[in-house]
């Protein structure tokens, strides 16, 4: 399985709509491909957070830096 094939199966994988052979291929690919392993893990965590409606508070300093960066980017876009 290639990374492209892996990505094309990701939705079905999370929906539980892949047969046993494809599931085995996905699992084998993830074991040898660290990039796809990260994609799988990140997607799994994102789905979990979304389903649980968890709210994460950023530390004030990070929130301020992020806000400043966004505002700076927005002000450049208006020019």
Protein backbone atom coordinates (compact mmCIF):
# COMPACT_ATOMS: atom_id res chain seq x y z
CA UNK A 1 0.00 0.00 0.00
CA UNK A 2 1.27 3.46 -0.88
CA UNK A 3 0.71 6.62 1.15
CA UNK A 4 -1.81 7.81 -1.44
CA UNK A 5 -3.73 4.56 -1.19
CA UNK A 6 -3.60 4.82 2.60
CA UNK A 7 -5.05 8.33 2.51
CA UNK A 8 -7.80 7.24 0.13
CA UNK A 9 -8.86 4.55 2.64
CA UNK A 10 -8.71 6.77 5.72
CA UNK A 11 -12.39 7.78 5.78
CA UNK A 12 -13.55 4.20 5.33
CA UNK A 13 -11.05 3.07 7.95
CA UNK A 14 -12.51 5.38 10.57
CA UNK A 15 -16.06 4.54 9.52
CA UNK A 16 -15.27 0.84 9.93
CA UNK A 17 -16.09 0.20 6.27
CA UNK A 18 -12.94 -1.62 5.17
CA UNK A 19 -12.75 -5.36 4.78
CA UNK A 20 -10.24 -7.43 6.74
CA UNK A 21 -7.68 -7.53 3.90
CA UNK A 22 -7.63 -3.75 3.49
CA UNK A 23 -7.52 -3.28 7.26
CA UNK A 24 -4.45 -5.51 7.42
CA UNK A 25 -2.82 -3.53 4.59
CA UNK A 26 -3.53 -0.22 6.36
CA UNK A 27 -2.10 -1.52 9.62
CA UNK A 28 0.99 -2.91 7.91
CA UNK A 29 1.57 0.36 6.05
CA UNK A 30 1.28 2.43 9.22
CA UNK A 31 3.82 0.21 10.97
CA UNK A 32 6.46 1.00 8.35
CA UNK A 33 5.51 4.59 7.41
CA UNK A 34 5.98 7.13 10.19
CA UNK A 35 4.29 9.89 8.18
CA UNK A 36 1.06 7.94 7.79
CA UNK A 37 1.29 6.83 11.40
CA UNK A 38 1.25 10.52 12.41
CA UNK A 39 -1.70 11.19 10.09
CA UNK A 40 -3.62 8.27 11.57
CA UNK A 41 -2.83 9.25 15.16
CA UNK A 42 -3.63 12.93 14.61
CA UNK A 43 -6.88 12.13 12.83
CA UNK A 44 -7.88 9.72 15.59
CA UNK A 45 -7.18 12.36 18.25
CA UNK A 46 -9.03 15.06 16.30
CA UNK A 47 -12.10 12.86 15.97
CA UNK A 48 -11.94 12.02 19.68
CA UNK A 49 -11.70 15.67 20.69
CA UNK A 50 -14.55 16.61 18.38
CA UNK A 51 -16.80 13.84 19.68
CA UNK A 52 -16.06 14.61 23.31
CA UNK A 53 -16.37 18.38 22.80
CA UNK A 54 -13.25 18.90 24.87
CA UNK A 55 -12.18 22.50 25.26
CA UNK A 56 -8.53 23.31 25.60
CA UNK A 57 -7.43 26.59 27.08
CA UNK A 58 -4.26 28.05 25.65
CA UNK A 59 -1.84 29.68 28.05
CA UNK A 60 -2.29 33.47 27.95
CA UNK A 61 1.12 34.08 26.35
CA UNK A 62 0.45 31.60 23.55
CA UNK A 63 -3.04 32.97 22.97
CA UNK A 64 -1.65 36.52 22.70
CA UNK A 65 1.13 35.45 20.30
CA UNK A 66 -1.34 33.57 18.14
CA UNK A 67 -3.76 36.50 18.09
CA UNK A 68 -0.95 38.91 17.17
CA UNK A 69 0.23 36.63 14.36
CA UNK A 70 -3.29 36.34 12.96
CA UNK A 71 -3.85 40.10 13.13
CA UNK A 72 -0.50 40.74 11.44
CA UNK A 73 -1.40 38.33 8.64
CA UNK A 74 -4.83 39.92 8.24
CA UNK A 75 -3.43 43.44 8.08
CA UNK A 76 -1.02 42.38 5.31
CA UNK A 77 -3.87 40.83 3.34
CA UNK A 78 -5.80 44.12 3.30
CA UNK A 79 -2.93 45.99 1.62
